[in-house]
């Protein structure tokens, strides 16, 4: 499942590598599924979502075009430096990792990651202490799974975090509470910062009508639906290929964004439609769980913990939207024109690009390159922020000079649309400080533009 997701990703997205660890007798074997162009190029992937943001990205792009033998040889030449970034120890004593095999696929579509197979071995010292494995944050996120035993260890490691000691015999002695707590974090991470598509869907629910009643109906329907398919998918009872599910998820976001603009409030069919879309999103969540090799031990606590983590992430998104925009502006008559509609259109435009990209209709290059850059973390943050701030300033000055309510409406529309698009780009670039500053400037601009204009309370949502 993880390999399927990696193949569906673009070559510039930073994706987790997978390490299957086998401990047998006196030998530890680590089988890695790894985009080895990144370590050969010397990229520092810690804290970034797109290789374009790393120093040396040009070398990385060149390596992706090398034939299998040439890339394998380049990896062997760089192995001594790469090995120094990998930790394998027992009882605090480092093990000597040997590079046993490097298998590189043929050059295919250079717009998708090429997953190489690297096999490492090390001699285990006497005694029964477990193996601690991991690597430097510069090598990117890592999924570690214990192979060859039931209920083996599984963990998602980021920012240089090491695994717990992996036992040599039998499964991991992990309590239900520990498993539950670990998977809350996994679920939350899948929403913030990894789940932009799910974030946009939840924002679409919020911006139909920020009043509690309509929002509660939609969120409840979505939660119930994705909980069902998350459980069925994680259990392996329902399996739908990612190349079907992912475009449909994107299409569901387009629908929500467009309906927000056209509808006056919560339509009678909206909760049912959201429930159906929630079933799709649940299958997407299930694919993430399957990456980790849940096993049979503490399955239910892990499943519940992941679902709670997802819910916490979704509620955090809604809370942020309410505090930044809903609380201040939702009672004004111009809220839909200047806030809800432009954001919903921005959501629909981004999701439409995903539909086209995920169905192979368009390539994330050429004229579509800016959209790929926006959603994959490649936006030049300062350039984007400068453009958004300039648009806010120009519109606000124009409103003050003309004192026109029509200009207030359309200026507010432009302010929110541009600000939202840039905030998405800064979010995917993981620069949360600049993002927070942009949101504050956005709020100030909308408030300044409303001074002196008609300010009637918005009609109650149905």
Protein backbone atom coordinates (compact mmCIF):
# COMPACT_ATOMS: atom_id res chain seq x y z
CA UNK A 1 0.00 0.00 0.00
CA UNK A 2 2.82 2.40 0.86
CA UNK A 3 4.58 1.65 -2.41
CA UNK A 4 1.33 2.35 -4.25
CA UNK A 5 1.09 5.72 -2.50
CA UNK A 6 4.71 6.52 -3.29
CA UNK A 7 4.18 5.74 -6.96
CA UNK A 8 1.14 8.01 -6.96
CA UNK A 9 3.18 10.86 -5.49
CA UNK A 10 5.29 13.28 -7.45
CA UNK A 11 9.04 12.93 -7.50
CA UNK A 12 9.53 16.12 -5.50
CA UNK A 13 7.36 15.19 -2.52
CA UNK A 14 9.28 14.01 0.54
CA UNK A 15 7.82 10.58 1.25
CA UNK A 16 8.66 8.21 4.13
CA UNK A 17 11.09 5.39 3.50
CA UNK A 18 10.26 1.91 4.79
CA UNK A 19 12.66 -0.28 6.78
CA UNK A 20 11.69 -3.93 7.35
CA UNK A 21 13.91 -5.24 10.16
CA UNK A 22 14.50 -8.96 10.58
CA UNK A 23 16.39 -10.28 13.62
CA UNK A 24 17.42 -13.91 13.19
CA UNK A 25 20.12 -15.65 15.18
CA UNK A 26 23.25 -13.53 15.11
CA UNK A 27 22.26 -11.29 12.20
CA UNK A 28 20.13 -8.19 11.79
CA UNK A 29 18.86 -7.56 8.26
CA UNK A 30 17.28 -4.28 7.22
CA UNK A 31 15.44 -4.18 3.89
CA UNK A 32 14.83 -0.57 2.85
CA UNK A 33 12.42 0.78 0.23
CA UNK A 34 14.11 4.10 -0.37
CA UNK A 35 14.34 6.94 -2.87
CA UNK A 36 18.14 6.80 -2.80
CA UNK A 37 18.65 9.80 -5.10
CA UNK A 38 18.05 12.05 -2.06
CA UNK A 39 20.87 10.75 0.18
CA UNK A 40 23.25 10.44 -2.77
CA UNK A 41 22.59 14.11 -3.57
CA UNK A 42 23.18 14.96 0.09
CA UNK A 43 19.76 16.56 0.56
CA UNK A 44 18.72 17.64 4.04
CA UNK A 45 15.05 16.60 4.17
CA UNK A 46 14.35 17.44 7.79
CA UNK A 47 11.31 19.67 8.14
CA UNK A 48 10.60 20.07 4.42
CA UNK A 49 7.83 18.63 2.27
CA UNK A 50 9.36 19.13 -1.17
CA UNK A 51 12.85 18.33 -2.42
CA UNK A 52 12.85 21.57 -4.42
CA UNK A 53 13.26 23.38 -1.11
CA UNK A 54 16.47 21.50 -0.23
CA UNK A 55 19.95 22.64 -1.16
CA UNK A 56 21.24 20.39 -3.94
CA UNK A 57 17.84 19.72 -5.51
CA UNK A 58 19.35 20.14 -8.97
CA UNK A 59 21.68 17.20 -8.31
CA UNK A 60 18.72 15.17 -7.09
CA UNK A 61 16.82 15.88 -10.32
CA UNK A 62 19.83 14.79 -12.38
CA UNK A 63 20.23 11.54 -10.42
CA UNK A 64 16.60 10.62 -11.17
CA UNK A 65 17.56 10.30 -14.85
CA UNK A 66 20.49 7.92 -14.25
CA UNK A 67 20.27 4.27 -15.27
CA UNK A 68 20.07 1.56 -12.59
CA UNK A 69 23.74 0.61 -12.59
CA UNK A 70 24.97 4.22 -12.57
CA UNK A 71 22.71 5.17 -9.66
CA UNK A 72 23.57 2.03 -7.70
CA UNK A 73 27.27 2.77 -8.17
CA UNK A 74 26.75 6.39 -7.04
CA UNK A 75 25.02 5.10 -3.90
CA UNK A 76 27.89 2.70 -3.14
CA UNK A 77 30.37 5.55 -3.58
CA UNK A 78 28.41 7.67 -1.11
CA UNK A 79 27.76 4.79 1.32
CA UNK A 80 30.45 5.68 3.85
CA UNK A 81 28.90 9.13 4.35
CA UNK A 82 25.34 7.80 4.35
CA UNK A 83 26.18 5.05 6.85
CA UNK A 84 27.25 7.71 9.33
CA UNK A 85 23.67 9.02 9.34
CA UNK A 86 22.13 5.64 10.23
CA UNK A 87 21.88 4.38 13.80
CA UNK A 88 21.82 0.67 14.64
CA UNK A 89 22.77 -0.23 18.20
CA UNK A 90 22.18 -2.84 20.86
CA UNK A 91 22.50 -1.89 24.51
CA UNK A 92 24.10 1.41 23.53
CA UNK A 93 26.77 -0.31 21.44
CA UNK A 94 26.79 0.71 17.74
CA UNK A 95 26.65 -2.06 15.17
CA UNK A 96 28.67 -2.08 11.96
CA UNK A 97 26.20 -1.93 9.10
CA UNK A 98 27.26 -3.54 5.83
CA UNK A 99 25.78 -2.73 2.46
CA UNK A 100 24.78 -6.08 1.01
CA UNK A 101 22.67 -5.16 -2.01
CA UNK A 102 21.34 -2.20 -3.97
CA UNK A 103 18.59 -2.81 -6.51
CA UNK A 104 17.52 0.16 -8.62
CA UNK A 105 14.56 0.02 -11.05
CA UNK A 106 14.84 1.14 -14.64
CA UNK A 107 14.21 4.80 -15.38
CA UNK A 108 10.49 5.22 -15.88
CA UNK A 109 8.33 8.28 -15.48
CA UNK A 110 10.71 10.79 -13.93
CA UNK A 111 7.72 12.65 -12.46
CA UNK A 112 7.14 9.83 -9.95
CA UNK A 113 9.52 8.57 -7.25
CA UNK A 114 11.78 5.65 -8.14
CA UNK A 115 11.78 3.24 -5.19
CA UNK A 116 15.09 1.38 -4.85
CA UNK A 117 15.67 -1.62 -2.59
CA UNK A 118 18.66 -1.44 -0.26
CA UNK A 119 19.62 -4.34 2.00
CA UNK A 120 21.82 -3.81 5.06
CA UNK A 121 23.16 -6.39 7.49
CA UNK A 122 24.89 -6.29 10.85
CA UNK A 123 26.15 -8.87 13.34
CA UNK A 124 24.18 -8.97 16.58
CA UNK A 125 26.15 -9.18 19.84
CA UNK A 126 25.44 -11.90 22.38
CA UNK A 127 22.60 -11.33 24.79
CA UNK A 128 18.93 -10.68 24.36
CA UNK A 129 18.79 -6.90 24.16
CA UNK A 130 16.76 -5.41 21.34
CA UNK A 131 17.94 -3.45 18.32
CA UNK A 132 17.48 0.32 18.24
CA UNK A 133 17.25 1.56 14.67
CA UNK A 134 16.74 4.91 12.99
CA UNK A 135 18.49 7.63 11.09
CA UNK A 136 19.29 11.31 11.01
CA UNK A 137 16.41 13.67 10.28
CA UNK A 138 18.23 14.77 7.13
CA UNK A 139 17.31 11.44 5.52
CA UNK A 140 13.60 12.17 5.92
CA UNK A 141 10.75 10.33 7.67
CA UNK A 142 11.05 6.58 8.20
CA UNK A 143 8.60 3.75 8.79
CA UNK A 144 10.23 0.92 10.77
CA UNK A 145 8.54 -2.47 10.81
CA UNK A 146 9.71 -5.71 12.38
CA UNK A 147 9.43 -8.61 9.93
CA UNK A 148 9.24 -12.34 10.52
CA UNK A 149 7.28 -12.30 13.81
CA UNK A 150 3.69 -11.82 14.86
CA UNK A 151 2.81 -8.49 16.42
CA UNK A 152 6.15 -7.07 15.40
CA UNK A 153 7.31 -3.58 16.24
CA UNK A 154 6.06 -0.75 14.00
CA UNK A 155 6.73 2.98 14.25
CA UNK A 156 6.76 6.17 12.20
CA UNK A 157 9.94 8.12 12.93
CA UNK A 158 10.51 11.78 12.08
CA UNK A 159 13.17 14.40 12.82
CA UNK A 160 15.85 11.88 13.74
CA UNK A 161 13.80 9.98 16.33
CA UNK A 162 15.03 6.41 16.99
CA UNK A 163 12.95 3.29 17.42
CA UNK A 164 12.32 1.66 20.75
CA UNK A 165 14.41 -1.52 21.28
CA UNK A 166 13.10 -4.06 18.78
CA UNK A 167 12.96 -7.48 20.51
CA UNK A 168 14.86 -10.36 18.95
CA UNK A 169 12.19 -12.95 19.69
CA UNK A 170 8.43 -12.49 19.54
CA UNK A 171 6.42 -9.33 19.26
CA UNK A 172 6.63 -6.02 21.02
CA UNK A 173 5.53 -5.87 24.62
CA UNK A 174 3.45 -2.73 24.17
CA UNK A 175 0.50 -1.93 26.39
CA UNK A 176 -2.88 -0.99 24.97
CA UNK A 177 -2.48 2.49 26.44
CA UNK A 178 0.90 3.01 24.78
CA UNK A 179 -0.45 1.86 21.43
CA UNK A 180 -3.49 4.12 21.81
CA UNK A 181 -1.34 7.18 22.62
CA UNK A 182 1.13 6.52 19.78
CA UNK A 183 -1.59 6.32 17.16
CA UNK A 184 -3.31 9.51 18.29
CA UNK A 185 -0.16 11.26 17.12
CA UNK A 186 -0.14 9.32 13.84
CA UNK A 187 -3.77 10.31 13.17
CA UNK A 188 -3.17 13.98 14.00
CA UNK A 189 -0.07 14.11 11.77
CA UNK A 190 -2.12 12.75 8.90
CA UNK A 191 -4.32 15.85 9.10
CA UNK A 192 -1.75 18.45 10.20
CA UNK A 193 0.51 18.86 8.31
CA UNK A 194 0.19 15.90 5.91
CA UNK A 195 -3.47 15.96 4.94
CA UNK A 196 -4.06 19.07 2.85
CA UNK A 197 -6.89 17.39 0.93
CA UNK A 198 -8.69 16.47 4.16
CA UNK A 199 -8.05 19.96 5.56
CA UNK A 200 -9.64 21.58 2.51
CA UNK A 201 -12.66 19.28 2.77
CA UNK A 202 -13.19 20.19 6.43
CA UNK A 203 -12.80 23.88 5.62
CA UNK A 204 -15.43 23.41 2.93
CA UNK A 205 -17.81 22.10 5.58
CA UNK A 206 -17.08 25.11 7.79
CA UNK A 207 -17.48 27.79 5.14
CA UNK A 208 -20.93 26.66 3.98
CA UNK A 209 -22.31 28.16 7.17
CA UNK A 210 -20.27 28.85 10.26
CA UNK A 211 -23.28 28.56 12.58
CA UNK A 212 -23.10 25.60 14.94
CA UNK A 213 -26.20 23.74 13.70
CA UNK A 214 -25.27 23.28 10.00
CA UNK A 215 -21.64 22.66 10.91
CA UNK A 216 -22.56 20.01 13.50
CA UNK A 217 -24.76 18.10 11.06
CA UNK A 218 -22.01 17.98 8.46
CA UNK A 219 -19.13 17.12 10.79
CA UNK A 220 -21.21 14.37 12.44
CA UNK A 221 -22.07 12.82 9.07
CA UNK A 222 -18.46 13.00 7.91
CA UNK A 223 -17.09 11.52 11.15
CA UNK A 224 -19.53 8.61 11.22
CA UNK A 225 -18.81 7.75 7.60
CA UNK A 226 -15.03 7.86 7.69
CA UNK A 227 -15.01 5.90 10.96
CA UNK A 228 -16.86 3.04 9.26
CA UNK A 229 -14.62 2.75 6.22
CA UNK A 230 -11.49 3.42 8.26
CA UNK A 231 -12.27 0.32 10.34
CA UNK A 232 -13.29 -1.79 7.33
CA UNK A 233 -10.25 -0.71 5.33
CA UNK A 234 -7.80 -1.26 8.21
CA UNK A 235 -9.25 -4.75 8.71
CA UNK A 236 -8.80 -5.48 5.03
CA UNK A 237 -12.53 -6.09 4.53
CA UNK A 238 -12.85 -3.29 1.97
CA UNK A 239 -10.05 -2.51 -0.46
CA UNK A 240 -10.30 -0.04 -3.32
CA UNK A 241 -7.19 0.92 -5.32
CA UNK A 242 -5.72 4.32 -4.56
CA UNK A 243 -5.93 5.38 -8.21
CA UNK A 244 -9.72 5.21 -7.80
CA UNK A 245 -10.11 6.54 -4.26
CA UNK A 246 -7.75 9.52 -4.50
CA UNK A 247 -9.39 11.20 -7.55
CA UNK A 248 -12.81 10.67 -5.95
CA UNK A 249 -11.62 12.32 -2.74
CA UNK A 250 -10.45 15.29 -4.78
CA UNK A 251 -13.79 15.38 -6.63
CA UNK A 252 -15.64 15.45 -3.30
CA UNK A 253 -13.70 18.58 -2.35
CA UNK A 254 -14.60 20.22 -5.67
CA UNK A 255 -18.28 19.49 -5.02
CA UNK A 256 -18.23 20.96 -1.52
CA UNK A 257 -16.47 24.11 -2.68
CA UNK A 258 -18.85 24.70 -5.58
CA UNK A 259 -21.99 24.01 -3.54
CA UNK A 260 -20.81 26.48 -0.90
CA UNK A 261 -20.94 29.23 -3.53
CA UNK A 262 -24.28 28.24 -5.03
CA UNK A 263 -26.25 27.28 -1.89
CA UNK A 264 -27.75 29.77 0.54
CA UNK A 265 -27.31 27.45 3.49
CA UNK A 266 -27.45 23.79 4.49
CA UNK A 267 -29.43 21.96 1.81
CA UNK A 268 -31.55 18.93 2.82
CA UNK A 269 -29.24 16.59 0.91
CA UNK A 270 -25.94 18.04 2.13
CA UNK A 271 -25.48 15.74 5.19
CA UNK A 272 -26.18 12.67 3.04
CA UNK A 273 -23.68 13.82 0.41
CA UNK A 274 -21.08 14.57 3.08
CA UNK A 275 -21.68 11.10 4.56
CA UNK A 276 -21.01 9.50 1.17
CA UNK A 277 -17.84 11.53 0.76
CA UNK A 278 -16.81 10.59 4.30
CA UNK A 279 -16.82 6.94 3.22
CA UNK A 280 -14.20 7.80 0.60
CA UNK A 281 -12.04 9.78 3.00
CA UNK A 282 -12.14 6.87 5.46
CA UNK A 283 -10.57 4.62 2.85
CA UNK A 284 -7.82 7.19 2.43
CA UNK A 285 -7.23 7.18 6.20
CA UNK A 286 -7.16 3.35 6.19
CA UNK A 287 -4.36 3.31 3.62
CA UNK A 288 -2.21 5.32 6.04
CA UNK A 289 -2.85 2.83 8.84
CA UNK A 290 -1.88 -0.05 6.59
CA UNK A 291 1.53 1.56 6.04
CA UNK A 292 2.36 0.85 9.66
CA UNK A 293 1.59 -2.86 9.69
CA UNK A 294 -0.95 -2.74 12.52
CA UNK A 295 -0.73 -6.44 13.34
CA UNK A 296 -3.16 -8.14 15.68
CA UNK A 297 -1.72 -6.84 18.96
CA UNK A 298 -3.66 -3.86 20.37
CA UNK A 299 -5.42 -3.47 17.03
CA UNK A 300 -8.51 -1.82 18.50
CA UNK A 301 -6.60 0.73 20.66
CA UNK A 302 -4.48 1.65 17.64
CA UNK A 303 -7.54 2.05 15.44
CA UNK A 304 -9.38 4.15 18.02
CA UNK A 305 -6.30 6.23 18.75
CA UNK A 306 -5.75 6.96 15.06
CA UNK A 307 -9.38 7.98 14.62
CA UNK A 308 -9.24 10.27 17.65
CA UNK A 309 -6.05 11.84 16.31
CA UNK A 310 -7.80 12.50 13.00
CA UNK A 311 -10.74 14.08 14.82
CA UNK A 312 -8.46 16.29 16.92
CA UNK A 313 -6.74 17.44 13.72
CA UNK A 314 -10.07 18.22 12.05
CA UNK A 315 -11.35 20.11 15.09
CA UNK A 316 -8.10 22.08 15.20
CA UNK A 317 -8.67 23.14 11.57
CA UNK A 318 -12.26 24.20 12.31
CA UNK A 319 -11.20 26.05 15.47
CA UNK A 320 -8.48 27.93 13.58
CA UNK A 321 -10.94 28.95 10.85
CA UNK A 322 -13.50 30.08 13.41
CA UNK A 323 -11.03 32.12 15.46
CA UNK A 324 -9.40 33.75 12.43
CA UNK A 325 -12.47 34.50 10.29
CA UNK A 326 -15.78 33.13 11.53
CA UNK A 327 -15.79 34.73 14.97
CA UNK A 328 -14.97 38.17 13.64
CA UNK A 329 -16.89 38.31 10.38
CA UNK A 330 -19.60 35.64 10.08
CA UNK A 331 -22.41 37.92 11.35
CA UNK A 332 -21.79 40.58 8.72
CA UNK A 333 -23.94 40.77 5.62
CA UNK A 334 -20.87 40.70 3.37
CA UNK A 335 -19.38 37.53 4.90
CA UNK A 336 -20.27 35.22 2.02
CA UNK A 337 -19.12 37.59 -0.72
CA UNK A 338 -15.86 38.62 0.92
CA UNK A 339 -14.89 35.50 2.89
CA UNK A 340 -16.86 32.30 2.34
CA UNK A 341 -17.28 32.40 -1.45
CA UNK A 342 -13.67 33.27 -2.41
CA UNK A 343 -12.25 30.67 -0.03
CA UNK A 344 -14.67 28.03 -1.32
CA UNK A 345 -13.70 28.85 -4.91
CA UNK A 346 -10.03 28.56 -3.94
CA UNK A 347 -10.75 25.15 -2.41
CA UNK A 348 -12.56 24.01 -5.55
CA UNK A 349 -9.78 25.23 -7.88
CA UNK A 350 -7.07 23.37 -5.94
CA UNK A 351 -9.17 20.21 -5.76
CA UNK A 352 -9.97 20.37 -9.48
CA UNK A 353 -6.24 20.38 -10.17
CA UNK A 354 -5.92 17.26 -8.00
CA UNK A 355 -8.70 15.52 -9.93
CA UNK A 356 -6.91 16.19 -13.19
CA UNK A 357 -3.50 15.27 -11.80
CA UNK A 358 -4.64 12.08 -10.03
CA UNK A 359 -6.42 10.82 -13.12
CA UNK A 360 -3.34 11.48 -15.26
CA UNK A 361 -5.19 14.09 -17.32
CA UNK A 362 -2.53 16.73 -16.69
CA UNK A 363 1.13 16.63 -15.73
CA UNK A 364 2.38 18.62 -12.72
CA UNK A 365 4.70 20.47 -15.10
CA UNK A 366 4.35 23.17 -17.69
CA UNK A 367 1.32 25.40 -17.22
CA UNK A 368 0.23 23.30 -14.24
CA UNK A 369 3.58 23.68 -12.52
CA UNK A 370 2.44 26.57 -10.28
CA UNK A 371 -0.43 24.46 -8.95
CA UNK A 372 1.90 21.59 -8.19
CA UNK A 373 4.29 24.00 -6.50
CA UNK A 374 1.45 25.46 -4.44
CA UNK A 375 0.22 22.10 -3.12
CA UNK A 376 3.55 20.34 -2.72
CA UNK A 377 5.47 22.82 -0.61
CA UNK A 378 7.56 24.46 -3.31
CA UNK A 379 6.22 28.02 -3.12
CA UNK A 380 8.90 30.68 -2.50
CA UNK A 381 7.48 31.80 0.83
CA UNK A 382 8.69 35.40 0.85
CA UNK A 383 7.64 35.97 -2.76
CA UNK A 384 4.16 34.57 -2.10
CA UNK A 385 3.75 36.54 1.12
CA UNK A 386 4.89 39.71 -0.60
CA UNK A 387 2.38 39.23 -3.41
CA UNK A 388 -0.48 38.65 -0.97
CA UNK A 389 0.43 41.66 1.17
CA UNK A 390 0.71 43.87 -1.92
CA UNK A 391 -2.74 42.79 -3.09
CA UNK A 392 -4.21 43.52 0.35
CA UNK A 393 -2.62 46.97 0.45
CA UNK A 394 -3.67 47.98 -3.08
CA UNK A 395 -7.28 46.88 -2.54
CA UNK A 396 -7.54 48.55 0.86
CA UNK A 397 -6.18 51.85 -0.44
CA UNK A 398 -8.56 51.69 -3.41
CA UNK A 399 -11.52 51.16 -1.08
CA UNK A 400 -10.59 54.15 1.06
CA UNK A 401 -10.17 56.38 -2.00
CA UNK A 402 -13.48 55.43 -3.66
CA UNK A 403 -15.68 54.67 -0.64
CA UNK A 404 -17.64 52.22 -2.82
CA UNK A 405 -19.55 49.28 -1.35
CA UNK A 406 -19.29 47.43 -4.66
CA UNK A 407 -15.50 47.81 -4.53
CA UNK A 408 -15.56 46.72 -0.90
CA UNK A 409 -17.29 43.50 -1.93
CA UNK A 410 -15.13 42.70 -4.91
CA UNK A 411 -11.98 43.95 -3.19
CA UNK A 412 -12.76 41.76 -0.20
CA UNK A 413 -13.35 38.85 -2.58
CA UNK A 414 -9.94 39.38 -4.20
CA UNK A 415 -8.25 39.86 -0.82
CA UNK A 416 -9.61 36.58 0.54
CA UNK A 417 -9.01 34.56 -2.63
CA UNK A 418 -5.38 35.63 -3.01
CA UNK A 419 -4.71 35.38 0.72
CA UNK A 420 -6.18 31.89 0.94
CA UNK A 421 -4.19 30.59 -2.03
CA UNK A 422 -0.95 31.99 -0.63
CA UNK A 423 -1.70 30.71 2.89
CA UNK A 424 -2.13 27.21 1.41
CA UNK A 425 1.24 27.51 -0.32
CA UNK A 426 2.97 28.73 2.84
CA UNK A 427 1.30 25.96 4.86
CA UNK A 428 2.58 23.24 2.53
CA UNK A 429 6.03 24.86 2.73
CA UNK A 430 5.76 24.35 6.52
CA UNK A 431 6.52 27.98 7.35
CA UNK A 432 3.90 28.45 10.07
CA UNK A 433 5.30 31.75 11.34
CA UNK A 434 4.82 33.47 7.98
CA UNK A 435 1.43 31.77 7.64
CA UNK A 436 0.24 33.20 10.96
CA UNK A 437 1.46 36.65 9.98
CA UNK A 438 -0.40 36.45 6.67
CA UNK A 439 -3.64 35.46 8.40
CA UNK A 440 -3.34 38.43 10.79
CA UNK A 441 -2.72 40.79 7.86
CA UNK A 442 -5.67 39.24 6.00
CA UNK A 443 -8.00 39.87 8.96
CA UNK A 444 -6.78 43.46 9.34
CA UNK A 445 -7.27 44.13 5.64
CA UNK A 446 -10.85 42.82 5.66
CA UNK A 447 -11.66 44.85 8.74
CA UNK A 448 -10.13 48.02 7.29
CA UNK A 449 -12.00 47.57 4.00
CA UNK A 450 -15.34 47.30 5.85
CA UNK A 451 -14.98 50.64 7.65
CA UNK A 452 -17.69 53.07 6.56
CA UNK A 453 -19.59 50.55 4.44
CA UNK A 454 -22.95 48.85 4.82
CA UNK A 455 -22.64 46.43 7.71
CA UNK A 456 -25.93 44.63 8.09
CA UNK A 457 -26.10 41.33 9.96
CA UNK A 458 -26.00 38.36 7.69
CA UNK A 459 -29.30 36.51 7.14
CA UNK A 460 -29.70 33.43 9.32
CA UNK A 461 -28.51 30.29 7.56
CA UNK A 462 -31.16 27.67 6.90
